[in-house]
Amino acid sequence: MSSPAFFRRPRLLAGLLATAVVCSFSLTAQAIEPVGFKPIFNGKDLSGWEGDVSYWSVKDGVIIGQSTEENPCTKNTFLQWTDGKLDDFELKLEFRLSGTEQANSGIQFRSQVEPDGHVVGYQADMDRSGKWLGGLYDERGRGSLAVRGQSTVVNGPKDMEKTSKGDGDKLAEKINLDGWNEYHIIARGNQLTLKINGETMCTVTDEDEANRDLDGVLALQLHSGPPMTIEFRNIQLRRLPLEGRKKVVFVAGSKSHGYFSHEHNAGCLLLAEKLSQTDLAVQTAVYLNGWPTDVTAFDNADTVVCYCDGGGRHFLNPHLQEFDHVMARGTGLVCIHYAVETVPGKEGDHFLKWLGGYFEPNWSVNPHWTADFKSLPKHPITRGVKPFSINDEWYYHMRFVDGMEGVTPILSAMPPRETLNRKDGPHSNNPHVREAVLVRKEEQHVGWAYERDNNGRAFGFTGGHWHVNWQHDDFRKVVLNAIAWTAHAEVPKNGLQSPTPTEEEMKSNQDYPQPNNWKFAPPKTEVKQTATEKPAAQLVAKKKSLNLSTAAR
């Protein structure tokens, strides 16, 4: 079961994401059509939700938050949706609030969780008195942003331009205080709209960059006070395409090989953080430990990054049809290291369609060696990247699409003979790879770009066994550039610049404890003498002569 994590910039910088670097997006990118509403409450139990079960329960398809004389609520308590987080979205749910006029509740969205567990930020308000119902409140923040019937432009915590959008009392007549009502929340960038029973209650344009939030958690509130009951049912979420920034979804596999190798969680978290530290206008979401339980995880993704165990254990294998719909929308795909491997058959055929190539057992091999990338093609992914050499478990002799149609090699090197010293086996050696390397002397492609017929883009990268290699600036930049390229963002002339991770950053979020005798050793940083760049067009022209993917299977 996957757990989500989001990397956020400080509020000031997060606010800038909605408007900064809009010109960086590729004009050839296809607009992503919004996917429909999906239920995020199963109607049976609190799977995917977390809160104090002394107050929260499920009965007859309804989430119930309840305080009583015997079990009073002395401070606000929250039920948080834990399968994912929110950025741009529409949420629809039905609610019913019972109790005295002091009964109060709300729906927290794009909110943050403080150390004491209090959920703070935007709240779609509700109360039995009807005073706050339909208004937008900033919990533990700027207070009331708009009441029912108002339209507000928020310039700062005490600078709000409020105008009438309707008669609050007449809007209240549309609400059944004693029965079920539908709340509809729309958050698109800094534009927020609250509706109840189809009627717009208030709108807010949040220009307060230092205090607004463009992403965060969803939670339901049970307010402190006299006994009350709040009920929710039919909770549905629809993610919206982001405007002015790209959405990158990382999916990290579960723990694997050992300390500082195949560190899928730590690797994804580090790459997401470094991506957010570049000048790219980007929103990142990281789902940890396997396939997301969030049914909306990919619905507004511009690209998906997979870093996980592969072969028969690849988390995409049981979800081919589901993920094929994601790829059919033109969403990008990046597969790192073991994530490029699956099994032949329908799985391999899907990888060829999505990624342009994959590690095929008994065809590809997985030795450890120092790849020497003496020259690089002229391509957005290589912008700002210098030729380099580095030791890794560089898989090679990939199974590519026939004729390498749509494939552009990005990282290519000649493996040394020693990489084929092992006996024949599914991953170690085979006659096909010996013929290619030892007889035909063909450079092997360990990083490649792929352009699909539907304008979708992909990148396969066979490095990433050693976690420490992410500290190498060119190694890391190739992957960050590729993520941006697959998301149809324009890669800057000098590539995406990110600060070199510190030793402490590299050691954070590891799946295994640090061994007692382990010492940190940085990756090799030797840069080979710069050679003349090979235009991508020349590489494409040579593809047929390489004859890597058309041999008989």
Protein backbone atom coordinates (compact mmCIF):
# COMPACT_ATOMS: atom_id res chain seq x y z
CA MET A 1 0.00 0.00 0.00
CA SER A 2 1.40 3.34 -1.01
CA SER A 3 1.55 6.43 1.15
CA PRO A 4 1.72 9.89 -0.39
CA ALA A 5 4.16 12.66 0.31
CA PHE A 6 4.26 16.12 -1.22
CA PHE A 7 7.19 18.45 -1.54
CA ARG A 8 6.20 22.03 -0.96
CA ARG A 9 8.06 25.25 -1.23
CA PRO A 10 7.64 27.81 1.54
CA ARG A 11 4.30 29.58 1.22
CA LEU A 12 5.85 32.61 -0.46
CA LEU A 13 7.47 30.52 -3.17
CA ALA A 14 4.44 28.26 -3.48
CA GLY A 15 2.37 31.30 -4.27
CA LEU A 16 4.72 32.21 -7.08
CA LEU A 17 4.15 28.85 -8.77
CA ALA A 18 0.81 29.96 -10.16
CA THR A 19 2.32 32.77 -12.20
CA ALA A 20 6.07 32.13 -12.62
CA VAL A 21 7.77 30.77 -15.71
CA VAL A 22 4.58 30.34 -17.69
CA CYS A 23 6.60 30.94 -20.85
CA SER A 24 8.68 27.84 -20.15
CA PHE A 25 6.02 25.43 -21.33
CA SER A 26 6.33 23.79 -24.71
CA LEU A 27 3.84 25.01 -27.28
CA THR A 28 3.52 21.46 -28.62
CA ALA A 29 2.10 20.04 -25.39
CA GLN A 30 -1.39 18.67 -25.56
CA ALA A 31 -3.96 20.03 -23.14
CA ILE A 32 -4.89 17.39 -20.60
CA GLU A 33 -8.62 16.81 -20.46
CA PRO A 34 -9.98 16.61 -16.90
CA VAL A 35 -10.84 13.12 -15.73
CA GLY A 36 -14.25 12.64 -14.12
CA PHE A 37 -15.18 12.49 -10.45
CA LYS A 38 -14.01 9.44 -8.51
CA PRO A 39 -15.15 8.26 -5.06
CA ILE A 40 -12.50 8.54 -2.32
CA PHE A 41 -14.64 7.03 0.46
CA ASN A 42 -15.58 3.36 0.08
CA GLY A 43 -18.78 3.64 2.12
CA LYS A 44 -17.74 0.74 4.36
CA ASP A 45 -14.94 1.80 6.69
CA LEU A 46 -12.26 4.42 7.23
CA SER A 47 -9.73 2.90 4.83
CA GLY A 48 -7.78 5.80 3.39
CA TRP A 49 -8.81 8.09 6.26
CA GLU A 50 -7.17 8.72 9.60
CA GLY A 51 -8.50 10.30 12.78
CA ASP A 52 -9.50 9.69 16.38
CA VAL A 53 -11.88 6.73 16.19
CA SER A 54 -13.43 7.72 19.50
CA TYR A 55 -15.12 10.49 17.48
CA TRP A 56 -15.09 9.17 13.90
CA SER A 57 -16.86 6.07 12.56
CA VAL A 58 -18.74 4.71 9.55
CA LYS A 59 -22.33 3.49 9.49
CA ASP A 60 -24.69 2.80 6.57
CA GLY A 61 -22.35 4.37 4.02
CA VAL A 62 -21.84 7.54 6.06
CA ILE A 63 -18.78 8.96 7.82
CA ILE A 64 -19.90 10.15 11.24
CA GLY A 65 -18.11 12.59 13.49
CA GLN A 66 -19.82 12.76 16.87
CA SER A 67 -19.30 14.26 20.30
CA THR A 68 -21.58 13.51 23.27
CA GLU A 69 -21.99 14.48 26.89
CA GLU A 70 -20.08 11.33 27.82
CA ASN A 71 -17.41 11.89 25.14
CA PRO A 72 -17.08 15.66 24.70
CA CYS A 73 -14.87 17.24 22.05
CA THR A 74 -12.69 19.73 23.91
CA LYS A 75 -10.58 20.73 20.91
CA ASN A 76 -11.15 20.55 17.17
CA THR A 77 -10.55 17.08 15.82
CA PHE A 78 -10.02 16.07 12.20
CA LEU A 79 -10.43 13.07 9.93
CA GLN A 80 -7.71 13.31 7.29
CA TRP A 81 -7.75 11.70 3.86
CA THR A 82 -4.41 9.85 3.74
CA ASP A 83 -4.41 8.32 0.26
CA GLY A 84 -3.32 11.57 -1.39
CA LYS A 85 -3.23 15.33 -1.25
CA LEU A 86 -4.92 18.12 -3.17
CA ASP A 87 -3.72 20.71 -5.63
CA ASP A 88 -6.21 21.86 -8.30
CA PHE A 89 -9.47 19.97 -7.93
CA GLU A 90 -13.22 19.78 -7.56
CA LEU A 91 -14.71 18.04 -4.55
CA LYS A 92 -18.34 17.07 -4.11
CA LEU A 93 -19.84 15.56 -0.98
CA GLU A 94 -23.08 15.51 0.95
CA PHE A 95 -23.20 16.62 4.57
CA ARG A 96 -25.68 16.84 7.45
CA LEU A 97 -25.00 18.68 10.70
CA SER A 98 -27.05 18.01 13.85
CA GLY A 99 -27.03 19.54 17.32
CA THR A 100 -27.53 22.96 18.83
CA GLU A 101 -26.97 26.25 17.04
CA GLN A 102 -23.38 26.09 18.29
CA ALA A 103 -22.74 22.96 16.22
CA ASN A 104 -19.90 23.68 13.81
CA SER A 105 -17.86 21.76 11.27
CA GLY A 106 -15.94 22.28 8.05
CA ILE A 107 -14.01 20.78 5.16
CA GLN A 108 -10.30 21.53 5.20
CA PHE A 109 -8.65 21.57 1.79
CA ARG A 110 -5.11 22.29 0.60
CA SER A 111 -4.39 22.45 4.31
CA GLN A 112 -1.30 21.76 6.42
CA VAL A 113 -0.99 19.59 9.52
CA GLU A 114 0.70 21.21 12.49
CA PRO A 115 2.84 19.24 14.98
CA ASP A 116 -0.08 19.01 17.41
CA GLY A 117 -2.23 17.40 14.70
CA HIS A 118 -4.37 20.49 14.12
CA VAL A 119 -5.20 20.94 10.44
CA VAL A 120 -4.84 24.55 9.33
CA GLY A 121 -5.64 26.49 6.18
CA TYR A 122 -8.60 26.76 3.83
CA GLN A 123 -11.91 25.57 5.30
CA ALA A 124 -15.30 25.34 3.65
CA ASP A 125 -17.32 26.36 6.69
CA MET A 126 -20.60 25.04 8.07
CA ASP A 127 -22.62 25.65 11.22
CA ARG A 128 -26.14 25.10 12.53
CA SER A 129 -26.82 28.79 13.07
CA GLY A 130 -26.26 29.48 9.39
CA LYS A 131 -23.95 32.41 10.08
CA TRP A 132 -20.80 30.82 8.62
CA LEU A 133 -22.31 28.14 6.40
CA GLY A 134 -21.09 28.54 2.81
CA GLY A 135 -18.21 30.80 3.76
CA LEU A 136 -14.47 30.31 3.31
CA TYR A 137 -12.37 30.42 6.46
CA ASP A 138 -8.59 30.20 6.99
CA GLU A 139 -8.23 27.96 10.05
CA ARG A 140 -5.56 29.28 12.45
CA GLY A 141 -4.61 31.75 9.75
CA ARG A 142 -6.20 34.85 8.27
CA GLY A 143 -9.68 34.12 9.60
CA SER A 144 -12.76 34.68 7.48
CA LEU A 145 -11.89 35.19 3.80
CA ALA A 146 -15.46 35.41 2.54
CA VAL A 147 -18.91 34.85 3.99
CA ARG A 148 -21.91 33.61 2.10
CA GLY A 149 -22.77 36.06 -0.68
CA GLN A 150 -19.31 37.61 -0.90
CA SER A 151 -16.59 37.73 -3.53
CA THR A 152 -13.16 38.55 -2.08
CA VAL A 153 -9.78 39.44 -3.44
CA VAL A 154 -7.23 38.68 -0.71
CA ASN A 155 -4.11 40.85 -1.01
CA GLY A 156 -2.81 40.21 2.50
CA PRO A 157 -3.90 39.05 5.95
CA LYS A 158 -5.57 42.41 6.65
CA ASP A 159 -6.01 43.61 3.06
CA MET A 160 -9.15 42.11 1.55
CA GLU A 161 -11.39 43.60 -1.11
CA LYS A 162 -14.87 42.25 -0.42
CA THR A 163 -17.81 42.79 -2.73
CA SER A 164 -21.34 41.45 -2.77
CA LYS A 165 -21.99 38.44 -4.97
CA GLY A 166 -25.51 37.84 -3.81
CA ASP A 167 -27.92 38.08 -0.90
CA GLY A 168 -26.59 35.86 1.89
CA ASP A 169 -30.01 35.40 3.46
CA LYS A 170 -31.59 34.34 0.16
CA LEU A 171 -28.73 31.94 -0.47
CA ALA A 172 -29.36 30.47 3.00
CA GLU A 173 -32.88 29.57 1.84
CA LYS A 174 -31.30 27.13 -0.60
CA ILE A 175 -29.83 25.15 2.31
CA ASN A 176 -31.70 22.56 4.36
CA LEU A 177 -30.32 22.98 7.89
CA ASP A 178 -32.07 19.82 9.06
CA GLY A 179 -31.24 17.56 6.12
CA TRP A 180 -28.66 16.57 3.58
CA ASN A 181 -26.93 19.16 1.40
CA GLU A 182 -24.23 18.99 -1.27
CA TYR A 183 -21.01 20.95 -0.86
CA HIS A 184 -19.07 21.57 -4.07
CA ILE A 185 -15.56 23.03 -3.73
CA ILE A 186 -13.58 24.20 -6.78
CA ALA A 187 -9.92 25.16 -6.41
CA ARG A 188 -8.08 26.21 -9.55
CA GLY A 189 -4.81 27.99 -8.88
CA ASN A 190 -5.62 30.91 -6.59
CA GLN A 191 -9.30 30.90 -7.60
CA LEU A 192 -11.56 29.29 -4.99
CA THR A 193 -15.31 28.74 -5.30
CA LEU A 194 -17.74 27.24 -2.79
CA LYS A 195 -21.18 26.00 -3.84
CA ILE A 196 -23.99 24.39 -1.86
CA ASN A 197 -26.82 22.61 -3.65
CA GLY A 198 -25.66 24.07 -6.95
CA GLU A 199 -25.70 27.69 -5.76
CA THR A 200 -22.47 29.69 -5.58
CA MET A 201 -22.03 30.77 -1.98
CA CYS A 202 -18.75 32.69 -2.25
CA THR A 203 -15.63 33.13 -4.34
CA VAL A 204 -12.10 34.06 -3.35
CA THR A 205 -9.11 35.15 -5.42
CA ASP A 206 -6.12 34.66 -3.13
CA GLU A 207 -3.31 37.01 -4.17
CA ASP A 208 -1.61 36.69 -0.79
CA GLU A 209 1.44 34.73 -1.96
CA ALA A 210 2.99 34.52 1.49
CA ASN A 211 -0.02 32.83 3.08
CA ARG A 212 -2.00 31.03 0.39
CA ASP A 213 -1.61 27.33 -0.32
CA LEU A 214 -1.63 25.66 -3.72
CA ASP A 215 -1.55 22.14 -2.32
CA GLY A 216 -2.15 20.31 0.93
CA VAL A 217 -4.35 17.81 2.75
CA LEU A 218 -8.07 17.16 2.74
CA ALA A 219 -9.67 16.72 6.16
CA LEU A 220 -13.11 16.78 7.76
CA GLN A 221 -13.58 18.73 10.98
CA LEU A 222 -15.54 18.07 14.14
CA HIS A 223 -15.51 21.31 16.11
CA SER A 224 -15.11 21.55 19.86
CA GLY A 225 -18.16 22.55 21.85
CA PRO A 226 -21.49 21.07 22.88
CA PRO A 227 -22.56 17.62 21.66
CA MET A 228 -23.00 17.48 17.88
CA THR A 229 -22.99 15.11 14.94
CA ILE A 230 -21.56 15.79 11.48
CA GLU A 231 -22.19 13.29 8.70
CA PHE A 232 -20.56 12.98 5.25
CA ARG A 233 -21.33 10.69 2.36
CA ASN A 234 -20.78 10.33 -1.41
CA ILE A 235 -17.35 11.99 -1.29
CA GLN A 236 -16.02 12.41 -4.82
CA LEU A 237 -12.85 14.04 -6.12
CA ARG A 238 -11.94 15.30 -9.56
CA ARG A 239 -8.42 16.56 -10.19
CA LEU A 240 -8.01 19.48 -12.58
CA PRO A 241 -5.10 20.18 -14.95
CA LEU A 242 -2.73 22.68 -13.38
CA GLU A 243 -2.44 26.11 -14.93
CA GLY A 244 0.95 27.82 -15.03
CA ARG A 245 2.89 24.89 -13.59
CA LYS A 246 3.61 21.26 -14.37
CA LYS A 247 2.52 18.31 -12.26
CA VAL A 248 5.13 15.57 -11.70
CA VAL A 249 3.97 12.41 -9.93
CA PHE A 250 6.68 10.18 -8.45
CA VAL A 251 5.84 6.59 -7.57
CA ALA A 252 8.47 4.89 -5.41
CA GLY A 253 8.63 1.14 -4.98
CA SER A 254 8.99 -0.61 -1.66
CA LYS A 255 12.35 -1.22 0.01
CA SER A 256 14.63 -3.53 -1.86
CA HIS A 257 18.37 -4.23 -1.89
CA GLY A 258 19.84 -2.65 1.22
CA TYR A 259 21.32 0.56 2.57
CA PHE A 260 22.16 3.14 -0.14
CA SER A 261 21.15 0.91 -3.06
CA HIS A 262 17.79 0.75 -4.83
CA GLU A 263 16.61 3.47 -2.45
CA HIS A 264 13.33 4.10 -4.24
CA ASN A 265 11.65 6.17 -1.52
CA ALA A 266 14.73 8.23 -0.70
CA GLY A 267 15.55 8.65 -4.40
CA CYS A 268 12.09 9.90 -5.34
CA LEU A 269 11.94 12.25 -2.36
CA LEU A 270 15.36 13.64 -3.19
CA LEU A 271 14.60 14.12 -6.89
CA ALA A 272 11.28 15.78 -6.09
CA GLU A 273 13.00 18.15 -3.68
CA LYS A 274 15.75 18.99 -6.16
CA LEU A 275 13.21 19.51 -8.94
CA SER A 276 11.34 21.98 -6.72
CA GLN A 277 14.62 23.85 -6.16
CA THR A 278 15.05 24.59 -9.87
CA ASP A 279 13.47 27.49 -11.74
CA LEU A 280 10.84 25.20 -13.25
CA ALA A 281 7.26 26.02 -12.25
CA VAL A 282 6.38 22.59 -10.93
CA GLN A 283 4.12 20.79 -8.48
CA THR A 284 5.43 17.45 -7.24
CA ALA A 285 3.63 14.56 -5.59
CA VAL A 286 5.48 11.55 -4.22
CA TYR A 287 3.69 8.26 -3.50
CA LEU A 288 5.82 5.97 -1.35
CA ASN A 289 6.12 2.19 -1.04
CA GLY A 290 4.35 1.04 -4.16
CA TRP A 291 1.28 1.55 -6.28
CA PRO A 292 -0.84 4.51 -5.08
CA THR A 293 -4.03 3.81 -3.20
CA ASP A 294 -5.16 7.25 -4.37
CA VAL A 295 -7.47 6.47 -7.28
CA THR A 296 -6.91 9.99 -8.63
CA ALA A 297 -3.10 9.91 -8.40
CA PHE A 298 -2.41 10.30 -12.13
CA ASP A 299 -5.49 12.22 -13.19
CA ASN A 300 -3.77 15.60 -13.62
CA ALA A 301 -0.18 14.42 -13.98
CA ASP A 302 1.91 15.87 -16.79
CA THR A 303 4.44 13.10 -16.27
CA VAL A 304 4.90 10.05 -14.03
CA VAL A 305 8.26 8.94 -12.63
CA CYS A 306 8.61 5.26 -11.68
CA TYR A 307 11.53 4.14 -9.50
CA CYS A 308 10.93 0.62 -8.25
CA ASP A 309 11.78 -3.06 -8.49
CA GLY A 310 10.96 -4.48 -11.90
CA GLY A 311 10.68 -7.78 -13.68
CA GLY A 312 7.77 -9.87 -12.44
CA ARG A 313 7.46 -7.62 -9.35
CA HIS A 314 6.99 -4.37 -11.27
CA PHE A 315 4.03 -2.48 -9.79
CA LEU A 316 2.80 -1.60 -13.30
CA ASN A 317 2.32 -5.25 -14.29
CA PRO A 318 -1.05 -5.72 -12.52
CA HIS A 319 -2.26 -2.31 -13.73
CA LEU A 320 -1.54 -2.40 -17.47
CA GLN A 321 -5.02 -1.46 -18.64
CA GLU A 322 -5.44 1.21 -15.99
CA PHE A 323 -2.07 2.81 -16.72
CA ASP A 324 -2.61 2.52 -20.45
CA HIS A 325 -5.45 5.04 -20.06
CA VAL A 326 -2.99 7.40 -18.37
CA MET A 327 -0.51 7.01 -21.22
CA ALA A 328 -3.28 7.44 -23.81
CA ARG A 329 -3.83 11.00 -22.53
CA GLY A 330 -0.29 11.91 -23.59
CA THR A 331 1.07 11.84 -20.05
CA GLY A 332 4.85 11.54 -19.84
CA LEU A 333 6.73 8.61 -18.32
CA VAL A 334 10.18 8.26 -16.77
CA CYS A 335 11.44 4.85 -15.62
CA ILE A 336 14.60 4.71 -13.50
CA HIS A 337 16.90 1.69 -13.11
CA TYR A 338 15.06 -1.56 -12.28
CA ALA A 339 11.80 0.15 -13.31
CA VAL A 340 12.82 -0.29 -16.96
CA GLU A 341 12.55 -4.08 -16.59
CA THR A 342 9.42 -6.12 -17.04
CA VAL A 343 8.63 -9.55 -18.45
CA PRO A 344 8.11 -10.43 -22.13
CA GLY A 345 4.57 -10.72 -23.38
CA LYS A 346 1.76 -8.26 -22.81
CA GLU A 347 3.80 -6.48 -20.14
CA GLY A 348 6.78 -6.00 -22.43
CA ASP A 349 4.51 -4.94 -25.29
CA HIS A 350 3.01 -2.21 -23.11
CA PHE A 351 6.47 -1.01 -22.08
CA LEU A 352 7.48 -0.79 -25.72
CA LYS A 353 4.39 1.29 -26.43
CA TRP A 354 4.88 3.57 -23.42
CA LEU A 355 8.68 3.74 -23.03
CA GLY A 356 10.07 2.74 -26.42
CA GLY A 357 12.28 0.07 -24.86
CA TYR A 358 12.77 -2.08 -21.80
CA PHE A 359 15.05 -4.60 -20.12
CA GLU A 360 14.07 -8.01 -21.50
CA PRO A 361 15.42 -11.06 -19.65
CA ASN A 362 17.68 -13.29 -21.78
CA TRP A 363 18.27 -10.32 -24.11
CA SER A 364 19.46 -7.51 -21.79
CA VAL A 365 22.14 -7.64 -19.07
CA ASN A 366 22.74 -5.88 -15.73
CA PRO A 367 26.47 -5.65 -14.93
CA HIS A 368 28.16 -3.05 -12.74
CA TRP A 369 30.62 -0.95 -14.75
CA THR A 370 31.93 2.56 -15.22
CA ALA A 371 30.17 4.05 -18.23
CA ASP A 372 32.16 6.72 -20.05
CA PHE A 373 29.80 9.10 -21.81
CA LYS A 374 32.34 10.80 -24.06
CA SER A 375 29.86 12.75 -26.14
CA LEU A 376 26.20 13.66 -25.87
CA PRO A 377 23.56 14.29 -28.52
CA LYS A 378 22.06 17.72 -28.99
CA HIS A 379 18.72 17.32 -27.25
CA PRO A 380 16.76 19.21 -24.55
CA ILE A 381 17.59 16.42 -22.07
CA THR A 382 21.34 17.00 -22.46
CA ARG A 383 21.24 20.79 -22.05
CA GLY A 384 23.86 21.88 -19.55
CA VAL A 385 25.12 18.30 -19.11
CA LYS A 386 28.85 17.73 -19.57
CA PRO A 387 30.30 14.41 -20.72
CA PHE A 388 30.96 12.33 -17.62
CA SER A 389 31.84 8.88 -16.37
CA ILE A 390 30.38 7.13 -13.36
CA ASN A 391 30.10 3.64 -11.94
CA ASP A 392 26.64 2.12 -11.65
CA GLU A 393 24.71 -1.01 -12.48
CA TRP A 394 24.16 0.20 -16.02
CA TYR A 395 21.74 -2.22 -17.69
CA TYR A 396 22.29 -2.44 -21.42
CA HIS A 397 21.23 -4.11 -24.67
CA MET A 398 17.64 -3.02 -24.19
CA ARG A 399 14.78 -4.39 -26.25
CA PHE A 400 13.75 -1.36 -28.29
CA VAL A 401 10.80 -0.82 -30.63
CA ASP A 402 11.37 -2.05 -34.17
CA GLY A 403 13.73 0.20 -36.07
CA MET A 404 14.05 2.32 -32.92
CA GLU A 405 11.22 4.39 -34.35
CA GLY A 406 10.73 7.46 -32.14
CA VAL A 407 13.75 6.59 -29.95
CA THR A 408 16.69 8.97 -29.51
CA PRO A 409 19.68 7.61 -27.58
CA ILE A 410 20.78 10.08 -24.89
CA LEU A 411 23.47 8.24 -22.90
CA SER A 412 25.56 5.75 -24.86
CA ALA A 413 28.84 4.04 -24.04
CA MET A 414 30.88 0.98 -24.95
CA PRO A 415 30.80 -1.59 -22.14
CA PRO A 416 34.14 -3.23 -21.34
CA ARG A 417 34.58 -6.89 -22.15
CA GLU A 418 34.57 -7.71 -18.43
CA THR A 419 30.84 -6.95 -18.26
CA LEU A 420 30.23 -10.17 -20.21
CA ASN A 421 32.35 -12.53 -18.11
CA ARG A 422 29.40 -14.07 -16.31
CA LYS A 423 27.68 -17.26 -17.38
CA ASP A 424 24.59 -17.09 -19.55
CA GLY A 425 21.44 -16.31 -17.61
CA PRO A 426 18.28 -14.15 -17.66
CA HIS A 427 20.23 -11.05 -16.52
CA SER A 428 23.91 -11.94 -16.83
CA ASN A 429 24.84 -12.89 -20.38
CA ASN A 430 23.45 -14.23 -23.67
CA PRO A 431 24.55 -14.79 -27.29
CA HIS A 432 22.65 -11.72 -28.55
CA VAL A 433 24.48 -9.24 -26.34
CA ARG A 434 27.86 -10.84 -27.04
CA GLU A 435 27.26 -10.48 -30.75
CA ALA A 436 26.33 -6.80 -30.35
CA VAL A 437 29.21 -5.82 -28.03
CA LEU A 438 32.09 -8.17 -28.73
CA VAL A 439 31.59 -8.74 -32.46
CA ARG A 440 29.79 -5.68 -33.86
CA LYS A 441 31.34 -3.32 -31.26
CA GLU A 442 28.11 -1.36 -30.83
CA GLU A 443 27.78 1.34 -28.20
CA GLN A 444 25.00 0.54 -25.77
CA HIS A 445 22.21 2.96 -24.94
CA VAL A 446 21.56 3.24 -21.21
CA GLY A 447 19.43 6.39 -21.39
CA TRP A 448 16.96 7.13 -24.17
CA ALA A 449 14.16 9.53 -25.08
CA TYR A 450 11.00 8.30 -26.74
CA GLU A 451 8.25 10.19 -28.52
CA ARG A 452 4.95 8.37 -28.79
CA ASP A 453 2.44 8.81 -31.60
CA ASN A 454 0.01 10.62 -29.29
CA ASN A 455 2.59 13.34 -28.49
CA GLY A 456 3.45 11.66 -25.21
CA ARG A 457 7.10 11.54 -24.20
CA ALA A 458 9.14 9.05 -22.21
CA PHE A 459 12.64 8.54 -20.87
CA GLY A 460 14.33 5.31 -19.86
CA PHE A 461 17.36 5.47 -17.57
CA THR A 462 19.14 2.30 -16.48
CA GLY A 463 21.37 3.91 -13.82
CA GLY A 464 20.30 4.52 -10.25
CA HIS A 465 21.45 1.42 -8.40
CA TRP A 466 23.74 3.45 -6.13
CA HIS A 467 21.84 6.14 -4.26
CA VAL A 468 25.02 8.19 -3.86
CA ASN A 469 25.13 8.82 -7.61
CA TRP A 470 22.31 11.36 -7.26
CA GLN A 471 24.94 13.62 -5.73
CA HIS A 472 26.71 13.77 -9.11
CA ASP A 473 25.48 16.97 -10.75
CA ASP A 474 25.49 15.74 -14.37
CA PHE A 475 24.00 12.36 -13.50
CA ARG A 476 21.20 14.12 -11.62
CA LYS A 477 20.72 16.86 -14.22
CA VAL A 478 20.13 14.37 -17.03
CA VAL A 479 17.20 12.90 -15.10
CA LEU A 480 15.77 16.26 -13.98
CA ASN A 481 15.97 17.56 -17.56
CA ALA A 482 14.26 14.39 -18.77
CA ILE A 483 11.44 14.75 -16.25
CA ALA A 484 10.83 18.31 -17.45
CA TRP A 485 11.01 17.27 -21.11
CA THR A 486 8.53 14.42 -20.66
CA ALA A 487 6.17 16.90 -18.96
CA HIS A 488 6.37 19.13 -22.07
CA ALA A 489 8.20 21.85 -20.18
CA GLU A 490 10.90 23.82 -21.95
CA VAL A 491 14.31 22.82 -20.61
CA PRO A 492 16.50 25.92 -20.09
CA LYS A 493 19.65 26.42 -22.17
CA ASN A 494 21.88 25.34 -19.29
CA GLY A 495 19.52 22.64 -18.05
CA LEU A 496 17.76 22.49 -14.72
CA GLN A 497 20.17 23.73 -12.08
CA SER A 498 19.73 22.20 -8.62
CA PRO A 499 21.97 22.48 -5.56
CA THR A 500 24.30 19.53 -5.02
CA PRO A 501 22.76 17.39 -2.25
CA THR A 502 24.64 17.43 1.03
CA GLU A 503 25.74 14.27 2.77
CA GLU A 504 22.86 14.70 5.23
CA GLU A 505 20.37 15.03 2.38
CA MET A 506 21.76 11.91 0.77
CA LYS A 507 21.42 9.94 4.00
CA SER A 508 17.85 11.02 4.70
CA ASN A 509 14.74 8.84 4.13
CA GLN A 510 16.71 5.60 3.75
CA ASP A 511 14.73 2.37 4.00
CA TYR A 512 17.35 0.62 6.09
CA PRO A 513 19.40 1.70 9.12
CA GLN A 514 22.99 2.75 8.46
CA PRO A 515 25.42 -0.14 9.05
CA ASN A 516 27.94 0.44 11.81
CA ASN A 517 30.96 0.13 9.53
CA TRP A 518 29.51 2.18 6.67
CA LYS A 519 31.24 5.38 5.58
CA PHE A 520 29.91 7.91 3.10
CA ALA A 521 31.89 8.00 -0.14
CA PRO A 522 30.88 10.46 -2.89
CA PRO A 523 30.45 9.27 -6.48
CA LYS A 524 33.21 9.62 -9.04
CA THR A 525 33.15 13.14 -10.49
CA GLU A 526 35.73 12.86 -13.24
CA VAL A 527 34.55 14.59 -16.41
CA LYS A 528 36.03 13.33 -19.63
CA GLN A 529 37.40 15.72 -22.22
CA THR A 530 34.55 17.37 -24.07
CA ALA A 531 33.98 15.93 -27.50
CA THR A 532 31.98 17.34 -30.37
CA GLU A 533 28.26 16.95 -29.76
CA LYS A 534 26.49 14.51 -32.01
CA PRO A 535 23.25 16.02 -33.36
CA ALA A 536 20.23 13.90 -32.54
CA ALA A 537 19.41 13.79 -36.24
CA GLN A 538 22.66 11.91 -36.92
CA LEU A 539 21.81 9.40 -34.21
CA VAL A 540 18.39 8.82 -35.74
CA ALA A 541 20.00 8.29 -39.14
CA LYS A 542 22.25 5.59 -37.68
CA LYS A 543 19.50 3.68 -35.91
CA LYS A 544 18.82 1.15 -38.63
CA SER A 545 22.49 0.25 -38.91
CA LEU A 546 22.60 -0.49 -35.18
CA ASN A 547 20.13 -3.36 -35.64
CA LEU A 548 19.60 -3.66 -31.89
CA SER A 549 15.87 -4.30 -31.75
CA THR A 550 14.96 -5.99 -35.00
CA ALA A 551 16.82 -9.27 -34.44
CA ALA A 552 14.67 -12.37 -34.12
CA ARG A 553 13.28 -12.75 -30.61
